[in-house]
C-alpha cells in the first residue's frame, strides 16, 4: 500500500482476524486456550482429539461446570469473561484465562461448534464460522463442554502457509498439553491423534506427574525439592546424570501457570554450576507459588511469560534452594547394564590425557599428593551417605578401582583431585590461613605481552589464592610464593598456565569471580593427571579427601568424579542373574 488514504476504523471481520493472530498462531495455541478454559471450568477429565495435527479438527471435551444456554453467544464476544470484573482484578488472578479473547479469536479463523450443559440444566449448541454465528439451539450431552474446531485458518491462508510439518505441529500440541498437565496434576488428560491414544495422564500427585512428563529415562535420575520459605517452591530435579544437550526438559510453573522464564532458567543453570558440563542443561520441573501482586501475568498476549516484582531476590532464593537440594544427596553416576546414551555420557575436555601424559605445570607423577591431601585445615564435613570405598587398584594409570558394599566404583583420579584442591583453595581464601607457600629461591619471569596486560587486573585474586608476585622490571616480575597446595609443582610453569587460562573473557567460567576462576585454573594444573601412577596409600588418601568435599561427585568442570556399577548389573553381565 502506498500513499495516505486517511485513518479509518477497520471493519469488525478484519479486526477480529488481526486480534486472533495475537492469541492463535497455530493449532497448539488453540489447544492451549481451550484446555485452559476447561481447567478454569473445574474439569477433572479433559480429552483432546486431533485430525491432521489440528489443522482439520481439534476437539476438547471436559466434565467441567459448563456454560448456561443463554450465555453461549456471550462466550464468543471479545473481552467477555467471567473471571475478572475490573482492572484491579489483574493483580489477583487465579485463573488461566482472563481476557475473554480465546474463544472469539479461535472462532474468527475457523468453524467452531460448542456443546455445553450445566448441572441441572439442558445442553445447548452454538456454531460460529469465521466470527459469524450460524446457529444456536438445544442439543444433547453430559454436564461439561465440548468445543470442536474445524478447518483452522480457512479464511487466513497466509497463516496456514506458515505452519510447520504435521509432526512438528503435533509436537507443539503435546508440549502444550504436558505443560498444562503439570499445572493441574489432579486432572486426568487424554490426547487422541487420528484415533490413536498418544497421551494418558491419570490424576496423580505433582511429583509423579512431573516424572511422567519428563519421561522414564530422566525420571530414573531425579530427586524432589520442597521449600516453603521465603518462597513456596516445589519441584523435581534431574541429577547431573540426567543433564541434556538442550533445555527441552526444563518446565516452569508460577502459581499453577506454565510459563517461559529466562530468569528461572538462569537460576537453574547457576544452581547446577560445576555439577554438570557447561554444554549441558539440567532437567527439572519447578513450581513456584507467589502472592499474585508479586507476579504480572499480563505481559504477553498468550500469557506464556510473566514478570516478577523482585527478580533479584527470587533468583537468589531459587538458586540457593535448588543447590541445597542437590547437595543433600549422593549424585554419583550409576551405570546400568546398558549404556544410557544421552543421559550419562559426558564429553571430554582439555583434561583428557595429553600425548605424554603430562601437563605443562606437572613435573613429577603424584608429586606432593599426600602432602596436599593431609593438610590440617581440610574440611571435616562428610556428605550424606558417602560410601566406604575399599581401594583395589589403578586402571590405565587414570582410574582408581574401588569396591563399596559389593558395587564396583571407578574414580577419575584427575577429576577427583581437582575437586579436592579447588575446595581447599576456596576454603583457605575465605579463612585467609595457610594460603601461600614461600619459594626458597624466587623465580624471575619475563612476561609475554598478553600476560603483562592481564596481570594488574589479576593481582588481588592472585594474592588471595596464594601467589605472591612483585614487579622486577618493565615486563618482568619476581614470583616469591605459590598456593600451598601447589608447593610440589614447577612454580613458573604453574604461574604461566594460570595466566593463560585467565586471558580473555569468553571461557567456560567467564561468569565467575576472578578468584574462583584462578582457583579453578590452579587446581586444574596442580591435580594429578591421567597417566600418573599412584600407590594404594595415595589412592586411599585421595578417596578420603574427596569424601570430605562439599560436592564429591563432580569436578568443577561438571564431569563426574566417579561412576558406580551395581553388583546386580555385574551379575547380569555374567549371566548369574536374569
Protein backbone atom coordinates (compact mmCIF):
# COMPACT_ATOMS: atom_id res chain seq x y z
CA UNK A 1 0.00 0.00 0.00
CA UNK A 2 1.32 3.45 -0.86
CA UNK A 3 0.11 6.93 -0.15
CA UNK A 4 -2.01 8.28 2.69
CA UNK A 5 -5.58 7.02 2.41
CA UNK A 6 -6.65 8.55 5.69
CA UNK A 7 -7.36 6.96 9.04
CA UNK A 8 -10.28 4.55 9.09
CA UNK A 9 -11.80 2.14 11.60
CA UNK A 10 -11.27 -1.43 10.45
CA UNK A 11 -14.38 -3.49 9.75
CA UNK A 12 -15.13 -6.00 12.55
CA UNK A 13 -14.18 -9.04 10.45
CA UNK A 14 -10.69 -7.68 9.70
CA UNK A 15 -10.15 -6.50 13.27
CA UNK A 16 -11.12 -9.89 14.66
CA UNK A 17 -8.73 -11.73 12.37
CA UNK A 18 -5.87 -9.41 13.31
CA UNK A 19 -6.65 -9.78 17.01
CA UNK A 20 -6.88 -13.55 16.62
CA UNK A 21 -3.31 -13.60 15.33
CA UNK A 22 -2.07 -12.31 18.70
CA UNK A 23 -3.61 -15.27 20.52
CA UNK A 24 -3.93 -18.05 17.94
CA UNK A 25 -0.99 -18.62 15.61
CA UNK A 26 -1.03 -22.44 15.28
CA UNK A 27 -3.07 -25.48 16.35
CA UNK A 28 -1.11 -25.72 19.59
CA UNK A 29 -2.33 -22.24 20.56
CA UNK A 30 -5.92 -23.36 20.08
CA UNK A 31 -5.41 -26.46 22.21
CA UNK A 32 -3.77 -24.40 24.94
CA UNK A 33 -6.57 -21.84 25.10
CA UNK A 34 -9.34 -24.43 25.09
CA UNK A 35 -7.72 -26.65 27.70
CA UNK A 36 -7.13 -23.62 29.93
CA UNK A 37 -10.84 -22.83 29.68
CA UNK A 38 -11.61 -26.42 30.70
CA UNK A 39 -9.35 -26.14 33.74
CA UNK A 40 -10.94 -22.83 34.72
CA UNK A 41 -14.32 -24.58 34.49
CA UNK A 42 -13.22 -27.06 37.16
CA UNK A 43 -12.80 -30.06 34.84
CA UNK A 44 -11.46 -33.30 36.32
CA UNK A 45 -11.11 -35.10 32.99
CA UNK A 46 -10.05 -33.49 29.70
CA UNK A 47 -9.81 -35.24 26.33
CA UNK A 48 -8.17 -33.68 23.28
CA UNK A 49 -8.77 -35.19 19.83
CA UNK A 50 -6.85 -34.24 16.68
CA UNK A 51 -7.14 -34.85 12.96
CA UNK A 52 -4.47 -33.56 10.61
CA UNK A 53 -2.30 -32.36 13.53
CA UNK A 54 -5.13 -29.97 14.44
CA UNK A 55 -5.49 -28.30 11.05
CA UNK A 56 -8.57 -30.29 10.13
CA UNK A 57 -10.03 -30.88 13.57
CA UNK A 58 -9.41 -30.12 17.24
CA UNK A 59 -11.94 -31.31 19.77
CA UNK A 60 -11.62 -30.64 23.51
CA UNK A 61 -14.09 -32.35 25.84
CA UNK A 62 -14.28 -31.74 29.58
CA UNK A 63 -16.51 -32.55 32.53
CA UNK A 64 -16.40 -29.05 33.97
CA UNK A 65 -19.26 -26.89 35.15
CA UNK A 66 -20.43 -25.96 31.65
CA UNK A 67 -21.98 -22.77 30.26
CA UNK A 68 -25.63 -21.87 30.51
CA UNK A 69 -27.51 -21.90 27.18
CA UNK A 70 -28.30 -18.19 27.42
CA UNK A 71 -24.61 -17.31 27.84
CA UNK A 72 -23.21 -19.31 24.92
CA UNK A 73 -23.35 -16.38 22.43
CA UNK A 74 -21.74 -14.10 25.01
CA UNK A 75 -18.81 -16.51 25.38
CA UNK A 76 -17.81 -15.72 21.78
CA UNK A 77 -17.76 -11.94 22.19
CA UNK A 78 -14.37 -10.30 22.66
CA UNK A 79 -13.50 -9.28 26.21
CA UNK A 80 -16.47 -11.19 27.61
CA UNK A 81 -15.19 -13.08 30.65
CA UNK A 82 -16.43 -14.49 33.93
CA UNK A 83 -13.00 -14.21 35.55
CA UNK A 84 -12.44 -10.51 36.19
CA UNK A 85 -14.77 -7.58 36.74
CA UNK A 86 -12.36 -4.61 36.91
CA UNK A 87 -8.76 -3.70 36.02
CA UNK A 88 -7.78 -4.10 39.66
CA UNK A 89 -8.59 -7.82 39.40
CA UNK A 90 -5.49 -8.27 37.22
CA UNK A 91 -3.44 -8.02 40.43
CA UNK A 92 -5.07 -11.11 41.92
CA UNK A 93 -5.63 -13.51 39.03
CA UNK A 94 -6.04 -17.17 39.94
CA UNK A 95 -7.35 -18.45 36.60
CA UNK A 96 -5.59 -19.38 33.34
CA UNK A 97 -7.67 -17.23 31.02
CA UNK A 98 -8.99 -13.82 31.94
CA UNK A 99 -9.03 -11.56 28.89
CA UNK A 100 -12.05 -13.06 27.15
CA UNK A 101 -10.13 -13.40 23.88
CA UNK A 102 -9.62 -17.15 23.41
CA UNK A 103 -13.00 -18.27 22.03
CA UNK A 104 -13.64 -15.25 19.79
CA UNK A 105 -10.07 -15.44 18.46
CA UNK A 106 -10.45 -19.11 17.55
CA UNK A 107 -13.91 -18.60 16.08
CA UNK A 108 -12.62 -15.76 13.89
CA UNK A 109 -10.34 -18.11 11.93
CA UNK A 110 -12.18 -21.46 11.98
CA UNK A 111 -15.53 -23.18 12.15
CA UNK A 112 -16.32 -23.72 15.83
CA UNK A 113 -19.09 -25.73 17.46
CA UNK A 114 -19.64 -25.68 21.22
CA UNK A 115 -21.97 -28.03 23.07
CA UNK A 116 -22.28 -27.31 26.78
CA UNK A 117 -24.50 -28.25 29.68
CA UNK A 118 -24.59 -27.04 33.27
CA UNK A 119 -25.67 -29.27 36.11
CA UNK A 120 -29.46 -29.40 36.44
CA UNK A 121 -29.77 -27.76 33.03
CA UNK A 122 -30.24 -28.68 29.39
CA UNK A 123 -27.44 -28.93 26.84
CA UNK A 124 -27.18 -26.27 24.17
CA UNK A 125 -25.21 -25.94 20.92
CA UNK A 126 -23.78 -22.90 19.13
CA UNK A 127 -21.80 -22.73 15.88
CA UNK A 128 -19.59 -19.86 14.73
CA UNK A 129 -17.87 -19.68 11.34
CA UNK A 130 -15.26 -17.04 10.62
CA UNK A 131 -16.55 -14.94 13.52
CA UNK A 132 -20.21 -15.13 12.45
CA UNK A 133 -22.78 -17.06 14.46
CA UNK A 134 -24.59 -19.55 12.22
CA UNK A 135 -26.78 -21.45 14.70
CA UNK A 136 -27.78 -21.65 18.35
CA UNK A 137 -30.19 -24.11 19.90
CA UNK A 138 -30.83 -27.12 22.10
CA UNK A 139 -28.64 -30.23 21.98
CA UNK A 140 -27.90 -33.34 23.99
CA UNK A 141 -24.80 -34.11 26.01
CA UNK A 142 -23.39 -34.66 29.51
CA UNK A 143 -22.51 -31.99 32.03
CA UNK A 144 -19.44 -30.15 30.76
CA UNK A 145 -18.34 -28.67 27.48
CA UNK A 146 -17.16 -29.95 24.11
CA UNK A 147 -15.57 -27.50 21.68
CA UNK A 148 -14.91 -28.66 18.11
CA UNK A 149 -12.66 -26.55 15.88
CA UNK A 150 -12.60 -27.44 12.18
CA UNK A 151 -10.72 -26.13 9.17
CA UNK A 152 -8.41 -23.85 11.16
CA UNK A 153 -7.26 -20.71 9.28
CA UNK A 154 -9.61 -21.41 6.37
CA UNK A 155 -10.05 -17.65 5.90
CA UNK A 156 -6.43 -16.70 6.55
CA UNK A 157 -4.49 -18.85 4.06
CA UNK A 158 -1.27 -16.90 4.61
CA UNK A 159 -1.18 -18.09 8.21
CA UNK A 160 -1.73 -21.67 7.11
CA UNK A 161 1.33 -21.47 4.89
CA UNK A 162 3.46 -20.58 7.90
CA UNK A 163 2.52 -23.73 9.79
CA UNK A 164 5.24 -26.35 10.18
CA UNK A 165 5.01 -30.01 9.24
CA UNK A 166 2.21 -32.09 10.80
CA UNK A 167 4.78 -33.85 13.00
CA UNK A 168 6.12 -30.55 14.31
CA UNK A 169 2.67 -29.09 14.92
CA UNK A 170 1.66 -32.28 16.77
CA UNK A 171 4.80 -31.97 18.90
CA UNK A 172 3.84 -28.39 19.86
CA UNK A 173 0.38 -29.62 20.88
CA UNK A 174 1.89 -32.38 23.02
CA UNK A 175 4.17 -29.84 24.68
CA UNK A 176 1.22 -27.57 25.46
CA UNK A 177 -0.77 -30.42 26.99
CA UNK A 178 2.21 -31.60 29.03
CA UNK A 179 2.72 -28.11 30.42
CA UNK A 180 -0.92 -27.81 31.49
CA UNK A 181 -0.89 -31.36 32.84
CA UNK A 182 1.96 -30.30 35.12
CA UNK A 183 -0.07 -27.30 36.26
CA UNK A 184 -3.06 -29.50 37.13
CA UNK A 185 -1.81 -32.92 38.26
CA UNK A 186 -5.17 -33.64 39.91
CA UNK A 187 -6.82 -33.62 36.47
CA UNK A 188 -6.74 -36.58 34.06
CA UNK A 189 -5.62 -35.79 30.49
CA UNK A 190 -6.01 -37.85 27.32
CA UNK A 191 -4.71 -36.97 23.85
CA UNK A 192 -6.01 -38.88 20.82
CA UNK A 193 -4.43 -38.29 17.40
CA UNK A 194 -6.10 -39.80 14.33
CA UNK A 195 -7.87 -42.29 16.61
CA UNK A 196 -4.70 -43.34 18.45
CA UNK A 197 -4.15 -42.58 22.13
CA UNK A 198 -0.91 -40.60 22.36
CA UNK A 199 -1.02 -39.45 26.00
CA UNK A 200 -2.86 -40.66 29.06
CA UNK A 201 -2.16 -38.96 32.36
CA UNK A 202 -4.28 -40.16 35.28
CA UNK A 203 -4.88 -37.81 38.19
CA UNK A 204 -1.83 -38.15 40.43
CA UNK A 205 0.47 -36.29 42.85
CA UNK A 206 2.58 -33.48 41.41
CA UNK A 207 5.88 -35.36 41.77
CA UNK A 208 4.52 -38.36 39.88
CA UNK A 209 3.10 -36.13 37.14
CA UNK A 210 6.40 -34.28 36.81
CA UNK A 211 8.36 -37.51 36.44
CA UNK A 212 5.81 -38.81 33.92
CA UNK A 213 6.19 -35.67 31.79
CA UNK A 214 10.00 -35.73 31.99
CA UNK A 215 9.94 -39.30 30.69
CA UNK A 216 11.27 -42.61 32.04
CA UNK A 217 14.93 -42.06 31.12
CA UNK A 218 15.10 -38.79 33.03
CA UNK A 219 12.69 -39.88 35.78
CA UNK A 220 15.10 -42.64 36.81
CA UNK A 221 17.61 -39.94 37.83
CA UNK A 222 15.59 -37.38 39.78
CA UNK A 223 15.12 -36.07 43.29
CA UNK A 224 12.40 -33.98 44.91
CA UNK A 225 12.64 -30.36 46.00
CA UNK A 226 10.36 -28.75 48.54
CA UNK A 227 10.82 -25.38 50.23
CA UNK A 228 8.22 -23.23 51.94
CA UNK A 229 10.16 -20.11 52.94
CA UNK A 230 10.97 -17.49 51.87
CA UNK A 231 9.37 -18.73 48.61
CA UNK A 232 6.97 -21.64 48.21
CA UNK A 233 8.96 -23.83 45.82
CA UNK A 234 8.27 -27.40 44.73
CA UNK A 235 9.94 -29.41 42.03
CA UNK A 236 11.58 -32.44 40.55
CA UNK A 237 15.28 -32.05 39.80
CA UNK A 238 17.24 -34.21 37.42
CA UNK A 239 20.57 -35.34 38.82
CA UNK A 240 23.72 -34.40 36.87
CA UNK A 241 23.44 -37.79 35.18
CA UNK A 242 20.19 -36.61 33.55
CA UNK A 243 21.68 -33.44 32.03
CA UNK A 244 20.61 -32.76 28.45
CA UNK A 245 22.09 -31.12 25.36
CA UNK A 246 19.03 -28.82 25.10
CA UNK A 247 16.65 -27.13 27.54
CA UNK A 248 13.65 -29.15 26.37
CA UNK A 249 13.40 -30.91 29.74
CA UNK A 250 13.01 -27.69 31.74
CA UNK A 251 9.49 -26.71 32.83
CA UNK A 252 8.44 -23.77 34.98
CA UNK A 253 5.15 -23.06 36.71
CA UNK A 254 4.22 -19.89 38.56
CA UNK A 255 1.01 -20.03 40.57
CA UNK A 256 -0.01 -23.12 38.58
CA UNK A 257 0.51 -21.31 35.28
CA UNK A 258 3.05 -22.81 32.80
CA UNK A 259 5.46 -20.05 31.81
CA UNK A 260 8.67 -19.39 29.96
CA UNK A 261 11.09 -17.67 32.28
CA UNK A 262 14.67 -16.75 31.34
CA UNK A 263 15.19 -15.71 34.95
CA UNK A 264 14.25 -19.14 36.33
CA UNK A 265 16.31 -20.83 33.61
CA UNK A 266 19.35 -18.78 34.65
CA UNK A 267 18.76 -19.61 38.31
CA UNK A 268 18.64 -23.30 37.43
CA UNK A 269 21.89 -23.04 35.47
CA UNK A 270 23.57 -21.24 38.36
CA UNK A 271 22.42 -23.89 40.84
CA UNK A 272 23.99 -26.66 38.74
CA UNK A 273 27.25 -24.78 38.23
CA UNK A 274 30.22 -27.20 38.49
CA UNK A 275 27.79 -30.13 38.77
CA UNK A 276 27.30 -30.59 35.02
CA UNK A 277 29.43 -29.65 31.99
CA UNK A 278 28.90 -26.18 30.55
CA UNK A 279 27.45 -27.58 27.32
CA UNK A 280 24.72 -29.48 29.16
CA UNK A 281 21.47 -28.27 30.70
CA UNK A 282 19.72 -29.59 33.80
CA UNK A 283 16.39 -31.38 33.54
CA UNK A 284 13.88 -30.03 36.04
CA UNK A 285 10.29 -29.09 36.80
CA UNK A 286 9.98 -26.10 39.14
CA UNK A 287 6.67 -24.86 40.53
CA UNK A 288 6.57 -21.56 42.44
CA UNK A 289 3.74 -20.01 44.41
CA UNK A 290 3.93 -16.26 44.95
CA UNK A 291 1.42 -13.65 46.10
CA UNK A 292 -0.49 -12.61 42.94
CA UNK A 293 0.54 -8.97 43.43
CA UNK A 294 4.20 -10.01 43.01
CA UNK A 295 3.59 -11.51 39.56
CA UNK A 296 2.44 -9.81 36.36
CA UNK A 297 0.88 -12.45 34.08
CA UNK A 298 -0.49 -9.85 31.68
CA UNK A 299 2.73 -9.13 29.76
CA UNK A 300 2.21 -11.47 26.81
CA UNK A 301 -0.83 -11.97 24.54
CA UNK A 302 -0.73 -15.75 25.07
CA UNK A 303 0.14 -15.49 28.78
CA UNK A 304 3.31 -17.57 28.35
CA UNK A 305 5.65 -15.11 30.08
CA UNK A 306 5.48 -13.46 33.48
CA UNK A 307 7.29 -10.60 35.16
CA UNK A 308 8.32 -10.61 38.83
CA UNK A 309 8.40 -7.65 41.19
CA UNK A 310 11.64 -8.67 42.97
CA UNK A 311 13.62 -10.60 40.39
CA UNK A 312 16.99 -10.47 42.21
CA UNK A 313 15.57 -11.94 45.39
CA UNK A 314 13.69 -14.66 43.50
CA UNK A 315 16.80 -15.59 41.52
CA UNK A 316 18.88 -15.93 44.70
CA UNK A 317 16.24 -17.98 46.52
CA UNK A 318 15.67 -20.43 43.66
CA UNK A 319 19.40 -20.87 43.08
CA UNK A 320 20.06 -21.49 46.76
CA UNK A 321 17.20 -23.93 47.32
CA UNK A 322 17.94 -25.98 44.19
CA UNK A 323 21.64 -26.15 45.04
CA UNK A 324 20.85 -27.13 48.61
CA UNK A 325 18.59 -29.96 47.46
CA UNK A 326 21.21 -31.25 45.03
CA UNK A 327 23.99 -31.33 47.62
CA UNK A 328 21.85 -33.14 50.20
CA UNK A 329 22.01 -36.45 48.32
CA UNK A 330 24.70 -38.53 46.60
CA UNK A 331 24.99 -37.55 42.96
CA UNK A 332 27.12 -40.47 41.86
CA UNK A 333 26.62 -41.58 38.25
CA UNK A 334 25.22 -45.10 38.20
CA UNK A 335 25.96 -47.18 35.11
CA UNK A 336 23.34 -49.81 34.33
CA UNK A 337 23.68 -52.92 32.22
CA UNK A 338 23.01 -50.87 29.07
CA UNK A 339 24.57 -47.52 28.26
CA UNK A 340 22.29 -44.57 28.98
CA UNK A 341 23.08 -42.64 25.82
CA UNK A 342 22.08 -39.00 26.05
CA UNK A 343 21.87 -39.03 29.83
CA UNK A 344 25.13 -40.11 31.41
CA UNK A 345 27.56 -39.54 28.59
CA UNK A 346 29.81 -36.61 29.34
CA UNK A 347 32.09 -35.11 26.71
CA UNK A 348 35.83 -34.99 27.09
CA UNK A 349 37.73 -31.77 27.54
CA UNK A 350 41.19 -30.31 27.99
CA UNK A 351 41.82 -32.57 30.98
CA UNK A 352 41.94 -35.68 28.79
CA UNK A 353 45.30 -37.41 28.78
CA UNK A 354 47.87 -35.46 26.72
CA UNK A 355 50.23 -37.27 24.40
CA UNK A 356 52.89 -37.77 27.01
CA UNK A 357 50.50 -37.97 29.99
CA UNK A 358 51.79 -34.69 31.49
CA UNK A 359 50.61 -31.12 31.73
CA UNK A 360 52.87 -28.08 31.32
CA UNK A 361 52.72 -27.45 35.07
CA UNK A 362 53.31 -31.06 36.09
CA UNK A 363 56.89 -32.03 36.77
CA UNK A 364 56.60 -35.30 38.73
CA UNK A 365 53.94 -38.03 38.91
CA UNK A 366 51.80 -37.54 42.02
CA UNK A 367 54.41 -35.19 43.45
CA UNK A 368 53.26 -33.83 46.80
CA UNK A 369 49.90 -35.61 46.59
CA UNK A 370 49.87 -36.90 50.15
CA UNK A 371 51.12 -33.57 51.45
CA UNK A 372 48.32 -31.72 49.67
CA UNK A 373 45.71 -34.18 50.95
CA UNK A 374 46.72 -34.21 54.59
CA UNK A 375 46.89 -30.53 55.43
CA UNK A 376 45.35 -29.66 58.83
CA UNK A 377 42.79 -27.16 57.54
CA UNK A 378 40.99 -29.72 55.38
CA UNK A 379 37.18 -29.72 55.62
CA UNK A 380 35.69 -32.20 58.06
CA UNK A 381 32.07 -32.38 56.88
CA UNK A 382 31.32 -35.58 55.00
CA UNK A 383 28.39 -35.55 52.55
CA UNK A 384 25.26 -37.60 53.08
CA UNK A 385 25.79 -41.34 52.67
CA UNK A 386 29.32 -41.09 51.35
CA UNK A 387 30.22 -44.73 50.69
CA UNK A 388 33.08 -46.52 52.39
CA UNK A 389 35.27 -47.42 49.42
CA UNK A 390 37.93 -50.12 49.51
CA UNK A 391 40.74 -49.45 47.04
CA UNK A 392 41.53 -52.34 44.71
CA UNK A 393 43.97 -50.76 42.28
CA UNK A 394 44.52 -48.40 39.37
CA UNK A 395 43.24 -48.83 35.81
CA UNK A 396 45.17 -47.39 32.85
CA UNK A 397 47.03 -45.06 35.24
CA UNK A 398 43.84 -42.96 35.15
CA UNK A 399 41.07 -44.53 37.23
CA UNK A 400 41.04 -45.78 40.78
CA UNK A 401 39.21 -49.09 41.07
CA UNK A 402 37.26 -49.49 44.27
CA UNK A 403 34.52 -51.55 45.88
CA UNK A 404 31.66 -50.30 48.05
CA UNK A 405 29.15 -52.74 49.51
CA UNK A 406 29.70 -55.13 46.62
CA UNK A 407 29.34 -52.45 43.92
CA UNK A 408 32.14 -51.57 41.52
CA UNK A 409 33.41 -47.98 41.80
CA UNK A 410 35.62 -46.23 39.23
CA UNK A 411 37.09 -42.87 40.24
CA UNK A 412 38.71 -40.46 37.80
CA UNK A 413 41.84 -39.51 39.70
CA UNK A 414 42.30 -36.16 37.95
CA UNK A 415 38.68 -35.03 38.37
CA UNK A 416 38.68 -36.19 42.00
CA UNK A 417 41.89 -34.34 42.83
CA UNK A 418 40.63 -31.23 41.02
CA UNK A 419 37.56 -31.16 43.26
CA UNK A 420 39.63 -31.59 46.42
CA UNK A 421 42.14 -28.89 45.53
CA UNK A 422 39.53 -26.42 44.32
CA UNK A 423 37.55 -26.61 47.56
CA UNK A 424 40.76 -26.36 49.61
CA UNK A 425 41.76 -23.21 47.74
CA UNK A 426 38.36 -21.59 48.16
CA UNK A 427 38.17 -22.54 51.85
CA UNK A 428 41.64 -21.17 52.58
CA UNK A 429 40.92 -18.00 50.67
CA UNK A 430 37.84 -17.49 52.83
CA UNK A 431 39.78 -18.19 56.01
CA UNK A 432 42.97 -16.47 54.85
CA UNK A 433 45.08 -19.11 56.55
CA UNK A 434 47.69 -21.37 55.01
CA UNK A 435 47.25 -19.81 51.58
CA UNK A 436 50.79 -19.22 50.35
CA UNK A 437 53.99 -21.24 50.39
CA UNK A 438 57.10 -19.10 50.03
CA UNK A 439 59.69 -20.15 47.48
CA UNK A 440 63.22 -20.79 48.75
CA UNK A 441 64.54 -19.28 45.52
CA UNK A 442 62.21 -16.67 43.95
CA UNK A 443 61.57 -17.11 40.24
CA UNK A 444 62.10 -14.21 37.82
CA UNK A 445 59.77 -14.28 34.82
CA UNK A 446 59.75 -12.27 31.61
CA UNK A 447 56.10 -11.74 30.72
CA UNK A 448 54.61 -12.02 27.26
CA UNK A 449 52.52 -9.02 26.16
CA UNK A 450 49.24 -10.82 26.89
CA UNK A 451 50.43 -11.89 30.35
CA UNK A 452 51.65 -8.39 31.20
CA UNK A 453 48.31 -6.92 30.15
CA UNK A 454 46.14 -9.10 32.42
CA UNK A 455 48.46 -9.14 35.44
CA UNK A 456 47.39 -5.82 37.06
CA UNK A 457 43.73 -6.86 37.00
CA UNK A 458 44.54 -10.30 38.40
CA UNK A 459 46.85 -9.15 41.20
CA UNK A 460 44.25 -9.09 44.02
CA UNK A 461 42.94 -12.53 43.07
CA UNK A 462 46.48 -13.90 42.78
CA UNK A 463 47.27 -12.71 46.30
CA UNK A 464 44.02 -14.14 47.67
CA UNK A 465 44.77 -17.58 46.24
CA UNK A 466 48.41 -17.62 47.35
CA UNK A 467 50.53 -16.29 44.51
CA UNK A 468 52.88 -13.51 45.58
CA UNK A 469 54.26 -11.52 42.68
CA UNK A 470 56.28 -8.29 42.68
CA UNK A 471 57.45 -6.05 39.80
CA UNK A 472 61.05 -6.62 38.75
CA UNK A 473 61.32 -4.52 35.60
CA UNK A 474 59.20 -3.12 32.75
CA UNK A 475 57.91 -6.56 31.68
CA UNK A 476 59.46 -8.72 34.37
CA UNK A 477 58.10 -9.97 37.71
CA UNK A 478 59.50 -11.94 40.60
CA UNK A 479 57.40 -14.86 41.91
CA UNK A 480 58.07 -15.32 45.63
CA UNK A 481 55.25 -17.65 46.72
CA UNK A 482 52.67 -20.05 45.26
CA UNK A 483 49.50 -21.58 46.74
CA UNK A 484 50.45 -24.04 49.47
CA UNK A 485 48.66 -26.91 47.77
CA UNK A 486 50.92 -26.44 44.71
CA UNK A 487 54.21 -26.39 46.59
CA UNK A 488 55.37 -29.54 44.78
CA UNK A 489 54.79 -28.14 41.31
CA UNK A 490 57.05 -26.18 38.99
CA UNK A 491 56.23 -22.58 40.04
CA UNK A 492 56.97 -20.91 36.71
CA UNK A 493 55.00 -23.39 34.60
CA UNK A 494 52.09 -23.28 37.05
CA UNK A 495 52.00 -19.47 37.14
CA UNK A 496 52.12 -19.13 33.37
CA UNK A 497 49.47 -21.81 32.89
CA UNK A 498 47.12 -19.98 35.25
CA UNK A 499 47.70 -16.64 33.50
CA UNK A 500 46.96 -18.30 30.16
CA UNK A 501 43.68 -19.75 31.44
CA UNK A 502 42.54 -16.34 32.67
CA UNK A 503 43.31 -14.43 29.47
CA UNK A 504 40.11 -13.29 27.76
CA UNK A 505 36.52 -13.26 29.00
CA UNK A 506 34.94 -15.96 26.84
CA UNK A 507 35.98 -19.15 28.64
CA UNK A 508 33.54 -21.62 30.22
CA UNK A 509 33.94 -19.95 33.64
CA UNK A 510 33.89 -16.37 32.37
CA UNK A 511 30.93 -15.50 34.59
CA UNK A 512 32.74 -16.50 37.77
CA UNK A 513 34.74 -14.18 40.02
CA UNK A 514 38.44 -13.82 39.26
CA UNK A 515 39.33 -15.62 42.49
CA UNK A 516 37.14 -18.58 41.62
CA UNK A 517 38.48 -18.73 38.08
CA UNK A 518 42.03 -18.62 39.42
CA UNK A 519 41.24 -21.36 41.93
CA UNK A 520 39.88 -23.48 39.08
CA UNK A 521 42.98 -22.89 36.97
CA UNK A 522 45.33 -23.60 39.88
CA UNK A 523 43.53 -26.80 40.84
CA UNK A 524 43.40 -27.96 37.23
CA UNK A 525 47.13 -27.51 36.69
CA UNK A 526 48.08 -28.88 40.12
CA UNK A 527 45.98 -32.04 40.25
CA UNK A 528 47.35 -35.45 39.33
CA UNK A 529 46.77 -36.31 35.71
CA UNK A 530 45.75 -39.26 33.64
CA UNK A 531 48.96 -41.26 33.27
CA UNK A 532 50.27 -40.61 36.79
CA UNK A 533 50.94 -43.80 38.77
CA UNK A 534 49.54 -43.81 42.32
CA UNK A 535 50.17 -46.36 45.04
CA UNK A 536 47.43 -47.78 47.25
CA UNK A 537 48.14 -45.33 50.08
CA UNK A 538 47.87 -42.33 47.75
CA UNK A 539 44.67 -43.63 46.20
CA UNK A 540 43.09 -44.23 49.60
CA UNK A 541 44.13 -40.74 50.75
CA UNK A 542 42.59 -39.17 47.64
CA UNK A 543 39.31 -41.02 48.15
CA UNK A 544 39.17 -39.99 51.80
CA UNK A 545 39.84 -36.35 50.91
CA UNK A 546 37.23 -36.45 48.17
CA UNK A 547 34.66 -37.69 50.67
CA UNK A 548 35.17 -34.56 52.77
CA UNK A 549 34.34 -32.11 49.99
CA UNK A 550 31.05 -30.31 49.58
CA UNK A 551 30.41 -31.95 46.22
CA UNK A 552 32.46 -35.14 45.87
CA UNK A 553 30.58 -36.40 42.82
CA UNK A 554 31.77 -33.92 40.18
CA UNK A 555 34.73 -31.73 39.37
CA UNK A 556 34.30 -28.01 38.76
CA UNK A 557 34.03 -28.71 35.01
CA UNK A 558 30.83 -30.62 35.80
CA UNK A 559 32.19 -34.04 34.87
CA UNK A 560 31.64 -36.95 37.26
CA UNK A 561 34.47 -37.85 39.60
CA UNK A 562 33.19 -41.41 39.88
CA UNK A 563 30.79 -43.93 38.40
CA UNK A 564 29.14 -46.86 40.12
CA UNK A 565 28.19 -50.24 38.69
CA UNK A 566 25.65 -52.11 40.81
CA UNK A 567 26.52 -55.65 41.84
CA UNK A 568 23.25 -56.85 40.31
CA UNK A 569 24.21 -55.42 36.91
CA UNK A 570 27.57 -57.15 37.08
CA UNK A 571 25.80 -60.42 37.86
CA UNK A 572 23.55 -59.95 34.83
CA UNK A 573 26.57 -59.36 32.62
CA UNK A 574 27.96 -62.73 33.73
CA UNK A 575 24.54 -64.42 33.44
CA UNK A 576 24.37 -65.02 37.18
CA UNK A 577 21.07 -63.12 37.29
CA UNK A 578 18.37 -62.64 34.68
